Amino acid sequence: GNYHNRVPTMGRVVEFYFDIVCPYAYLAFTQIEQIAARTNATVVYKPVLLGGILLENKVPNANFQSSLAAPKQLHMFKELHRFARFRNVELNFHPDHPVRSLKALRVMLEVGEPFQELAKVFYRAYFIDNIDISSDSQVIKILKEYGIQNAEQVFHRAQNNRKDELRSRTQEAIDRGLFGVPTFFVDGEMIYGQARLPLLEEILGGVPDLPVLAKSYFGKVAPVDFFFDFSSPFAYIASLRIEKMFGSENLNFKPILLGALFQKIGRANIPMNEMSPSKLDYNHMDMDRQVGDSSFIWNSNFPLRSILALRTVLGVGPNTELGRKLIHRIYRGCWADDEDPNNPENIIRYANEVGLNGEQVIANTQNPEVKKQLFTNTDQAIEWGLFGVPSFVIHTSSGRELFWGNDNMEYAVFEARGITTQPRPLL
């Protein structure tokens, strides 16, 4: 990521909100103690009911996955397995995933803190052995194997006595702005998602291994297509570091029309409009965090019309030296200077600044070949299963691999360099 210089402070506390049924929380659970050990931090485990949080945030719970566009569902599943493989973690989905974790969570509260050991047992039961943790008898059996005396009584007592506590713990999480798990807090600063573990480690004053690993391999990189649209602030953040991450020779910038892509796959034209207020607030804060030392300002013209800017770049050639300079200049105009990329005067000015002839560049946008190329790129993106930007497609010897989002750029770099599992643990 784009890491800030934070001062290491020892002995900080990480609050970790989790639910047994969430695969992302499971993957975070497998990493969190190592991160705590490396940074001398203490983890406080906070079980919550993810279903309650999703309900509050108006996300369809049981069918959360099925509410997503098909290419995104497929990709999320693949991404989980990729992370698990990279970190050498076993991950098997229960055939009826997601099953209800309510009973297991109440039992955890009844057995009491620290929750970590019993959580480990439940995670193992669900994501490795595929035990149905919604079944009374299975949960009782897990308790017996864990060494709990009078497991039946403990189970039934939990179901009667821990309803309110689970509800109030979940409500506390909602009141703090949670919209999913895993979510972490360090001194009131919120970090969401297993993909943000490197940021968590860095906030704790540690040195996350991912960025170090991603930069420590030289040698051949498989060809990489970088799909972007100026209308996306997330793609702007990716553009700030992509050349540094992949090197520029095998990197192919591919402008696409994001709105057309969304339309084709049945996604909201502005996915952020579908976010809950909590998630929206978090996203804005997280973007500021991700740009690091670069400027970021939410564009007052949002949603941006970017077709002129995209055609401009295609007319110049997005992979020429001046084309790249122009891409970065347009991005800065959109997301650092609050300017409208659909205003020809802005484009002319940017082009002149980077050493092009602005008038000529605008004239080129009317070239039928240029217009066609934008649609060709967009059709290709749809055909390859893209559902948003930034997206990175790595052309490996065994086929195409798709990565989506800034959080996954390091993994895309590993794929491009042929590294599929974490090299020796960095201690």
Protein backbone atom coordinates (compact mmCIF):
# COMPACT_ATOMS: atom_id res chain seq x y z
CA GLY A 1 0.00 0.00 0.00
CA ASN A 2 0.87 3.60 0.13
CA TYR A 3 2.17 3.53 3.65
CA HIS A 4 2.53 6.52 5.96
CA ASN A 5 5.47 6.94 8.27
CA ARG A 6 3.97 5.94 11.57
CA VAL A 7 5.90 5.85 14.80
CA PRO A 8 6.08 2.37 16.32
CA THR A 9 4.50 2.30 19.76
CA MET A 10 4.64 -0.79 21.85
CA GLY A 11 1.88 -2.70 23.52
CA ARG A 12 -1.13 -1.35 21.61
CA VAL A 13 -4.52 -3.05 21.70
CA VAL A 14 -6.26 -4.36 18.57
CA GLU A 15 -10.00 -4.92 18.85
CA PHE A 16 -11.01 -7.65 16.42
CA TYR A 17 -14.69 -8.02 15.50
CA PHE A 18 -15.47 -11.39 13.93
CA ASP A 19 -18.14 -13.98 13.19
CA ILE A 20 -17.42 -17.69 12.67
CA VAL A 21 -19.35 -17.91 9.41
CA CYS A 22 -17.38 -15.24 7.52
CA PRO A 23 -14.49 -16.59 5.39
CA TYR A 24 -12.73 -13.21 5.39
CA ALA A 25 -12.83 -13.13 9.20
CA TYR A 26 -11.50 -16.71 9.25
CA LEU A 27 -8.53 -15.75 7.05
CA ALA A 28 -7.85 -12.68 9.21
CA PHE A 29 -8.07 -14.88 12.32
CA THR A 30 -5.29 -17.12 10.96
CA GLN A 31 -2.97 -14.08 10.61
CA ILE A 32 -3.82 -11.76 13.47
CA GLU A 33 -1.80 -13.40 16.26
CA GLN A 34 1.36 -13.40 14.12
CA ILE A 35 0.87 -9.69 13.41
CA ALA A 36 0.30 -9.03 17.12
CA ALA A 37 3.45 -10.97 18.02
CA ARG A 38 5.54 -9.04 15.46
CA THR A 39 4.27 -5.69 16.76
CA ASN A 40 4.01 -6.54 20.47
CA ALA A 41 0.26 -5.81 20.37
CA THR A 42 -2.60 -7.46 22.26
CA VAL A 43 -5.70 -8.72 20.48
CA VAL A 44 -9.12 -8.39 22.11
CA TYR A 45 -11.57 -10.74 20.37
CA LYS A 46 -15.12 -9.45 19.87
CA PRO A 47 -17.66 -11.96 18.56
CA VAL A 48 -20.63 -10.39 16.74
CA LEU A 49 -23.48 -11.61 14.57
CA LEU A 50 -22.64 -10.66 10.98
CA GLY A 51 -26.26 -11.24 9.94
CA GLY A 52 -27.38 -8.49 12.32
CA ILE A 53 -24.78 -6.07 10.97
CA LEU A 54 -25.71 -6.78 7.35
CA LEU A 55 -29.40 -6.37 8.16
CA GLU A 56 -28.73 -2.98 9.75
CA ASN A 57 -26.77 -1.96 6.64
CA LYS A 58 -29.59 -3.22 4.37
CA VAL A 59 -27.45 -5.94 2.79
CA PRO A 60 -29.35 -9.13 1.88
CA ASN A 61 -27.74 -11.55 4.31
CA ALA A 62 -28.22 -15.22 3.44
CA ASN A 63 -27.94 -14.37 -0.21
CA PHE A 64 -25.31 -11.70 0.17
CA GLN A 65 -23.22 -13.38 -2.54
CA SER A 66 -26.17 -13.83 -4.88
CA SER A 67 -26.97 -10.12 -4.67
CA LEU A 68 -23.66 -9.41 -6.41
CA ALA A 69 -23.03 -9.43 -10.15
CA ALA A 70 -22.06 -12.96 -11.29
CA PRO A 71 -18.48 -12.07 -12.32
CA LYS A 72 -17.92 -10.49 -8.91
CA GLN A 73 -19.25 -13.54 -7.04
CA LEU A 74 -16.93 -15.78 -9.00
CA HIS A 75 -14.00 -13.49 -8.38
CA MET A 76 -14.56 -13.14 -4.62
CA PHE A 77 -14.56 -16.92 -4.28
CA LYS A 78 -11.32 -17.16 -6.25
CA GLU A 79 -9.73 -14.32 -4.28
CA LEU A 80 -10.40 -16.06 -0.95
CA HIS A 81 -8.74 -19.24 -2.18
CA ARG A 82 -5.82 -17.27 -3.57
CA PHE A 83 -5.21 -15.55 -0.22
CA ALA A 84 -5.53 -18.90 1.60
CA ARG A 85 -3.05 -20.54 -0.75
CA PHE A 86 -0.59 -17.68 -0.47
CA ARG A 87 -0.68 -17.83 3.34
CA ASN A 88 -0.73 -21.66 3.44
CA VAL A 89 -4.13 -21.74 5.14
CA GLU A 90 -6.63 -24.54 4.63
CA LEU A 91 -10.02 -23.30 3.36
CA ASN A 92 -13.00 -25.50 2.47
CA PHE A 93 -16.48 -24.10 2.09
CA HIS A 94 -19.38 -25.90 3.76
CA PRO A 95 -21.77 -27.10 1.01
CA ASP A 96 -24.59 -25.05 2.61
CA HIS A 97 -22.47 -21.95 3.27
CA PRO A 98 -23.43 -19.66 4.92
CA VAL A 99 -24.92 -21.66 7.80
CA ARG A 100 -26.21 -19.83 10.90
CA SER A 101 -23.55 -19.17 13.53
CA LEU A 102 -25.93 -17.86 16.19
CA LYS A 103 -25.74 -20.90 18.49
CA ALA A 104 -21.96 -21.19 18.28
CA LEU A 105 -21.54 -17.48 19.10
CA ARG A 106 -23.85 -17.69 22.14
CA VAL A 107 -21.90 -20.71 23.36
CA MET A 108 -18.66 -18.76 22.98
CA LEU A 109 -20.08 -15.99 25.19
CA GLU A 110 -21.25 -18.56 27.76
CA VAL A 111 -17.81 -20.21 27.96
CA GLY A 112 -16.34 -16.72 28.33
CA GLU A 113 -13.16 -14.85 27.50
CA PRO A 114 -10.59 -15.17 26.10
CA PHE A 115 -12.63 -16.18 23.06
CA GLN A 116 -9.67 -16.99 20.86
CA GLU A 117 -9.21 -20.70 21.64
CA LEU A 118 -12.86 -21.68 21.21
CA ALA A 119 -13.11 -19.46 18.11
CA LYS A 120 -10.19 -21.41 16.66
CA VAL A 121 -12.04 -24.68 17.31
CA PHE A 122 -15.23 -23.40 15.66
CA TYR A 123 -13.34 -21.96 12.67
CA ARG A 124 -11.57 -25.25 12.19
CA ALA A 125 -14.85 -27.17 12.46
CA TYR A 126 -16.55 -24.95 9.88
CA PHE A 127 -13.87 -23.98 7.35
CA ILE A 128 -11.72 -27.11 7.45
CA ASP A 129 -13.95 -30.01 8.54
CA ASN A 130 -17.22 -28.55 7.19
CA ILE A 131 -19.19 -29.33 10.33
CA ASP A 132 -22.65 -27.78 10.49
CA ILE A 133 -22.24 -25.29 13.34
CA SER A 134 -25.97 -24.48 13.24
CA SER A 135 -26.79 -27.98 14.54
CA ASP A 136 -27.34 -28.37 18.31
CA SER A 137 -25.77 -31.81 18.46
CA GLN A 138 -22.72 -30.79 16.43
CA VAL A 139 -22.05 -27.73 18.61
CA ILE A 140 -22.45 -29.88 21.76
CA LYS A 141 -20.03 -32.41 20.29
CA ILE A 142 -17.50 -29.62 19.57
CA LEU A 143 -17.83 -28.43 23.19
CA LYS A 144 -17.22 -31.95 24.53
CA GLU A 145 -14.12 -32.37 22.35
CA TYR A 146 -12.93 -28.96 23.56
CA GLY A 147 -13.10 -30.33 27.10
CA ILE A 148 -16.16 -28.54 28.45
CA GLN A 149 -17.80 -30.42 31.34
CA ASN A 150 -21.62 -30.76 31.07
CA ALA A 151 -21.54 -29.63 27.43
CA GLU A 152 -25.33 -30.09 26.99
CA GLN A 153 -26.17 -27.85 29.95
CA VAL A 154 -23.65 -25.23 28.83
CA PHE A 155 -25.17 -25.28 25.33
CA HIS A 156 -28.76 -24.86 26.52
CA ARG A 157 -27.84 -22.27 29.11
CA ALA A 158 -26.07 -20.28 26.37
CA GLN A 159 -29.13 -20.33 24.11
CA ASN A 160 -31.31 -18.95 26.91
CA ASN A 161 -28.94 -16.59 28.70
CA ARG A 162 -26.71 -15.12 25.99
CA LYS A 163 -29.27 -13.83 23.48
CA ASP A 164 -29.24 -10.30 24.83
CA GLU A 165 -25.48 -10.15 25.23
CA LEU A 166 -24.90 -11.20 21.61
CA ARG A 167 -27.49 -8.68 20.49
CA SER A 168 -25.93 -5.85 22.50
CA ARG A 169 -22.39 -6.73 21.36
CA THR A 170 -23.63 -6.65 17.75
CA GLN A 171 -25.39 -3.34 18.36
CA GLU A 172 -22.21 -1.87 19.85
CA ALA A 173 -20.40 -2.83 16.65
CA ILE A 174 -23.11 -1.20 14.50
CA ASP A 175 -22.92 1.95 16.63
CA ARG A 176 -19.18 2.10 15.99
CA GLY A 177 -19.79 2.12 12.25
CA LEU A 178 -19.29 -1.57 11.40
CA PHE A 179 -20.77 -2.77 8.12
CA GLY A 180 -19.01 -6.14 7.95
CA VAL A 181 -16.26 -8.31 9.42
CA PRO A 182 -13.39 -8.64 9.97
CA THR A 183 -13.13 -5.13 11.39
CA PHE A 184 -10.28 -3.92 13.58
CA PHE A 185 -9.87 -0.86 15.77
CA VAL A 186 -6.55 0.52 16.99
CA ASP A 187 -6.89 3.61 19.20
CA GLY A 188 -10.25 4.33 17.59
CA GLU A 189 -8.92 4.01 14.01
CA MET A 190 -10.99 1.56 11.97
CA ILE A 191 -9.55 -0.97 9.52
CA TYR A 192 -11.91 -3.21 7.58
CA GLY A 193 -11.24 -6.44 5.72
CA GLN A 194 -8.64 -9.17 5.66
CA ALA A 195 -7.03 -7.50 2.63
CA ARG A 196 -6.10 -4.54 4.85
CA LEU A 197 -4.00 -6.57 7.30
CA PRO A 198 -0.79 -4.95 5.97
CA LEU A 199 -2.24 -1.54 6.87
CA LEU A 200 -3.16 -2.84 10.34
CA GLU A 201 0.38 -4.07 10.90
CA GLU A 202 1.77 -0.76 9.75
CA ILE A 203 -0.54 1.22 12.06
CA LEU A 204 0.81 -0.96 14.88
CA GLY A 205 4.32 0.18 13.96
CA GLY A 206 5.32 -3.02 12.21
CA VAL A 207 6.67 -3.63 8.72
CA PRO A 208 4.08 -5.57 6.71
CA ASP A 209 5.61 -8.34 4.64
CA LEU A 210 3.47 -7.92 1.49
CA PRO A 211 4.90 -4.63 0.19
CA VAL A 212 8.41 -5.79 1.11
CA LEU A 213 7.93 -9.09 -0.71
CA ALA A 214 6.34 -7.42 -3.73
CA LYS A 215 9.33 -5.13 -4.13
CA SER A 216 12.00 -7.73 -3.41
CA TYR A 217 11.65 -9.75 -6.60
CA PHE A 218 13.27 -8.71 -9.79
CA GLY A 219 13.40 -10.54 -13.04
CA LYS A 220 10.78 -11.30 -15.60
CA VAL A 221 7.24 -10.03 -15.17
CA ALA A 222 4.39 -11.60 -17.13
CA PRO A 223 2.46 -9.09 -19.28
CA VAL A 224 -0.09 -7.07 -17.27
CA ASP A 225 -3.16 -5.22 -18.54
CA PHE A 226 -4.26 -2.37 -16.27
CA PHE A 227 -7.95 -1.56 -16.90
CA PHE A 228 -9.02 1.88 -15.70
CA ASP A 229 -11.47 4.73 -16.12
CA PHE A 230 -10.85 8.30 -14.95
CA SER A 231 -14.28 8.28 -13.32
CA SER A 232 -13.06 5.92 -10.58
CA PRO A 233 -11.20 7.33 -7.55
CA PHE A 234 -10.07 3.78 -6.74
CA ALA A 235 -8.35 3.51 -10.13
CA TYR A 236 -6.71 6.89 -9.45
CA ILE A 237 -5.20 5.46 -6.26
CA ALA A 238 -3.94 2.44 -8.22
CA SER A 239 -2.44 4.68 -10.93
CA LEU A 240 -0.26 6.38 -8.30
CA ARG A 241 1.80 3.26 -7.70
CA ILE A 242 1.19 0.80 -10.51
CA GLU A 243 4.35 1.54 -12.50
CA LYS A 244 6.47 1.31 -9.38
CA MET A 245 4.88 -2.05 -8.54
CA PHE A 246 5.06 -3.76 -11.93
CA GLY A 247 7.80 -1.84 -13.71
CA SER A 248 6.58 -0.19 -16.89
CA GLU A 249 7.80 -2.33 -19.75
CA ASN A 250 5.28 -5.18 -19.58
CA LEU A 251 2.47 -2.97 -18.36
CA ASN A 252 -0.37 -2.16 -20.73
CA PHE A 253 -2.75 0.67 -19.75
CA LYS A 254 -6.27 -0.08 -21.04
CA PRO A 255 -8.90 2.67 -20.76
CA ILE A 256 -12.50 1.43 -20.59
CA LEU A 257 -15.98 2.91 -20.13
CA LEU A 258 -16.86 1.81 -16.62
CA GLY A 259 -20.52 2.87 -16.97
CA ALA A 260 -20.95 0.66 -20.03
CA LEU A 261 -19.33 -2.26 -18.19
CA PHE A 262 -21.68 -1.83 -15.20
CA GLN A 263 -24.69 -1.64 -17.49
CA LYS A 264 -23.73 -4.83 -19.29
CA ILE A 265 -23.21 -6.90 -16.12
CA GLY A 266 -26.26 -5.47 -14.34
CA ARG A 267 -24.45 -3.47 -11.65
CA ALA A 268 -25.53 -0.07 -10.35
CA ASN A 269 -23.99 2.67 -12.45
CA ILE A 270 -22.57 4.21 -9.30
CA PRO A 271 -21.91 1.31 -6.88
CA MET A 272 -21.17 3.83 -4.11
CA ASN A 273 -24.83 4.88 -4.24
CA GLU A 274 -25.71 1.40 -3.01
CA MET A 275 -23.39 1.57 0.00
CA SER A 276 -24.77 2.06 3.51
CA PRO A 277 -23.88 5.37 5.18
CA SER A 278 -21.38 3.56 7.45
CA LYS A 279 -19.58 1.98 4.52
CA LEU A 280 -19.56 5.24 2.58
CA ASP A 281 -18.02 7.13 5.51
CA TYR A 282 -15.40 4.44 5.94
CA ASN A 283 -14.58 4.41 2.22
CA HIS A 284 -13.93 8.15 2.13
CA MET A 285 -11.66 7.91 5.18
CA ASP A 286 -9.87 4.89 3.73
CA MET A 287 -9.21 6.62 0.40
CA ASP A 288 -7.51 9.49 2.21
CA ARG A 289 -5.40 6.91 4.01
CA GLN A 290 -4.50 5.05 0.80
CA VAL A 291 -3.25 8.04 -1.21
CA GLY A 292 -0.62 8.70 1.44
CA ASP A 293 1.38 11.77 0.51
CA SER A 294 -0.49 12.41 -2.74
CA SER A 295 -3.47 14.76 -2.82
CA PHE A 296 -7.01 13.48 -2.92
CA ILE A 297 -10.22 15.44 -3.13
CA TRP A 298 -13.70 14.10 -3.82
CA ASN A 299 -14.64 15.58 -7.20
CA SER A 300 -17.60 17.97 -6.98
CA ASN A 301 -18.64 16.91 -10.52
CA PHE A 302 -19.08 13.27 -9.43
CA PRO A 303 -20.20 11.07 -11.15
CA LEU A 304 -17.63 12.10 -13.75
CA ARG A 305 -18.24 11.90 -17.49
CA SER A 306 -14.90 10.62 -18.72
CA ILE A 307 -15.49 9.67 -22.36
CA LEU A 308 -13.60 12.67 -23.77
CA ALA A 309 -10.60 12.05 -21.50
CA LEU A 310 -10.54 8.33 -22.34
CA ARG A 311 -10.65 9.00 -26.09
CA THR A 312 -7.94 11.63 -25.69
CA VAL A 313 -5.62 9.10 -24.10
CA LEU A 314 -6.40 6.47 -26.74
CA GLY A 315 -5.68 9.01 -29.49
CA VAL A 316 -2.27 9.77 -28.00
CA GLY A 317 -1.52 6.13 -27.19
CA PRO A 318 -1.86 5.15 -23.51
CA ASN A 319 1.43 3.26 -23.53
CA THR A 320 3.62 5.93 -25.08
CA GLU A 321 5.73 8.07 -22.76
CA LEU A 322 3.58 11.15 -23.36
CA GLY A 323 0.41 9.08 -23.14
CA ARG A 324 1.38 7.92 -19.65
CA LYS A 325 2.20 11.47 -18.60
CA LEU A 326 -1.18 12.59 -19.88
CA ILE A 327 -2.98 9.79 -17.97
CA HIS A 328 -1.37 10.88 -14.70
CA ARG A 329 -2.10 14.53 -15.44
CA ILE A 330 -5.79 13.85 -16.14
CA TYR A 331 -6.04 11.74 -12.99
CA ARG A 332 -4.55 14.56 -10.96
CA GLY A 333 -7.05 16.98 -12.50
CA CYS A 334 -9.94 14.66 -11.57
CA TRP A 335 -8.98 13.60 -8.06
CA ALA A 336 -6.53 16.19 -6.75
CA ASP A 337 -7.62 19.44 -8.43
CA ASP A 338 -11.41 18.93 -8.59
CA GLU A 339 -11.62 19.59 -12.34
CA ASP A 340 -14.06 18.25 -14.92
CA PRO A 341 -12.45 15.76 -17.36
CA ASN A 342 -15.30 16.32 -19.81
CA ASN A 343 -14.36 19.97 -20.31
CA PRO A 344 -12.22 20.22 -23.48
CA GLU A 345 -10.38 23.29 -22.14
CA ASN A 346 -9.05 21.23 -19.22
CA ILE A 347 -7.90 18.45 -21.55
CA ILE A 348 -6.18 20.93 -23.88
CA ARG A 349 -4.36 22.46 -20.90
CA TYR A 350 -3.23 19.07 -19.56
CA ALA A 351 -2.02 17.98 -22.99
CA ASN A 352 -0.05 21.19 -23.50
CA GLU A 353 1.48 20.86 -20.01
CA VAL A 354 2.88 17.39 -20.73
CA GLY A 355 4.33 18.48 -24.09
CA LEU A 356 1.55 17.57 -26.55
CA ASN A 357 -0.43 19.81 -28.88
CA GLY A 358 -3.71 20.23 -27.00
CA GLU A 359 -5.84 21.30 -29.99
CA GLN A 360 -4.55 18.39 -32.07
CA VAL A 361 -5.17 15.95 -29.20
CA ILE A 362 -8.83 17.06 -28.96
CA ALA A 363 -9.25 16.77 -32.74
CA ASN A 364 -8.00 13.16 -32.55
CA THR A 365 -10.85 12.20 -30.22
CA GLN A 366 -13.22 12.33 -33.22
CA ASN A 367 -11.25 9.67 -35.07
CA PRO A 368 -13.61 6.66 -35.63
CA GLU A 369 -10.75 4.24 -34.86
CA VAL A 370 -10.22 5.88 -31.48
CA LYS A 371 -13.94 5.71 -30.66
CA LYS A 372 -14.03 2.07 -31.72
CA GLN A 373 -10.98 1.18 -29.60
CA LEU A 374 -12.71 2.38 -26.43
CA PHE A 375 -15.64 0.04 -27.08
CA THR A 376 -13.31 -2.80 -28.04
CA ASN A 377 -11.43 -2.42 -24.75
CA THR A 378 -14.70 -2.33 -22.81
CA ASP A 379 -16.07 -5.43 -24.58
CA GLN A 380 -12.83 -7.24 -23.85
CA ALA A 381 -13.10 -6.32 -20.17
CA ILE A 382 -16.64 -7.77 -20.05
CA GLU A 383 -15.54 -10.91 -21.87
CA TRP A 384 -12.68 -11.40 -19.41
CA GLY A 385 -14.99 -11.21 -16.40
CA LEU A 386 -14.18 -7.73 -15.11
CA PHE A 387 -16.77 -6.06 -12.89
CA GLY A 388 -14.98 -2.87 -11.85
CA VAL A 389 -11.72 -0.93 -11.82
CA PRO A 390 -8.88 -0.91 -11.04
CA SER A 391 -8.46 -4.38 -12.52
CA PHE A 392 -5.20 -6.11 -13.37
CA VAL A 393 -5.14 -9.00 -15.82
CA ILE A 394 -1.93 -11.03 -15.69
CA HIS A 395 -1.15 -13.11 -18.78
CA THR A 396 0.62 -16.13 -17.28
CA SER A 397 1.85 -19.14 -19.20
CA SER A 398 -1.23 -21.03 -17.98
CA GLY A 399 -3.78 -18.36 -18.91
CA ARG A 400 -5.30 -15.09 -17.70
CA GLU A 401 -5.54 -14.22 -14.01
CA LEU A 402 -7.77 -11.35 -12.91
CA PHE A 403 -7.12 -9.21 -9.83
CA TRP A 404 -9.39 -6.39 -8.71
CA GLY A 405 -8.81 -3.47 -6.37
CA ASN A 406 -5.86 -1.71 -4.76
CA ASP A 407 -5.82 -4.20 -1.90
CA ASN A 408 -4.87 -6.92 -4.34
CA MET A 409 -2.12 -5.19 -6.28
CA GLU A 410 0.61 -6.96 -4.31
CA TYR A 411 -0.97 -10.34 -5.09
CA ALA A 412 -1.15 -9.34 -8.76
CA VAL A 413 2.58 -8.54 -8.64
CA PHE A 414 3.32 -11.97 -7.14
CA GLU A 415 1.25 -13.62 -9.88
CA ALA A 416 3.10 -11.63 -12.55
CA ARG A 417 6.37 -12.83 -11.04
CA GLY A 418 5.22 -16.43 -10.67
CA ILE A 419 5.08 -16.48 -6.86
CA THR A 420 1.97 -18.29 -5.64
CA THR A 421 2.74 -19.06 -2.01
CA GLN A 422 4.26 -16.95 0.68
CA PRO A 423 8.04 -17.38 0.75
CA ARG A 424 9.57 -18.23 4.14
CA PRO A 425 7.91 -16.31 6.96
CA LEU A 426 9.53 -12.92 7.42
CA LEU A 427 10.18 -12.54 11.13
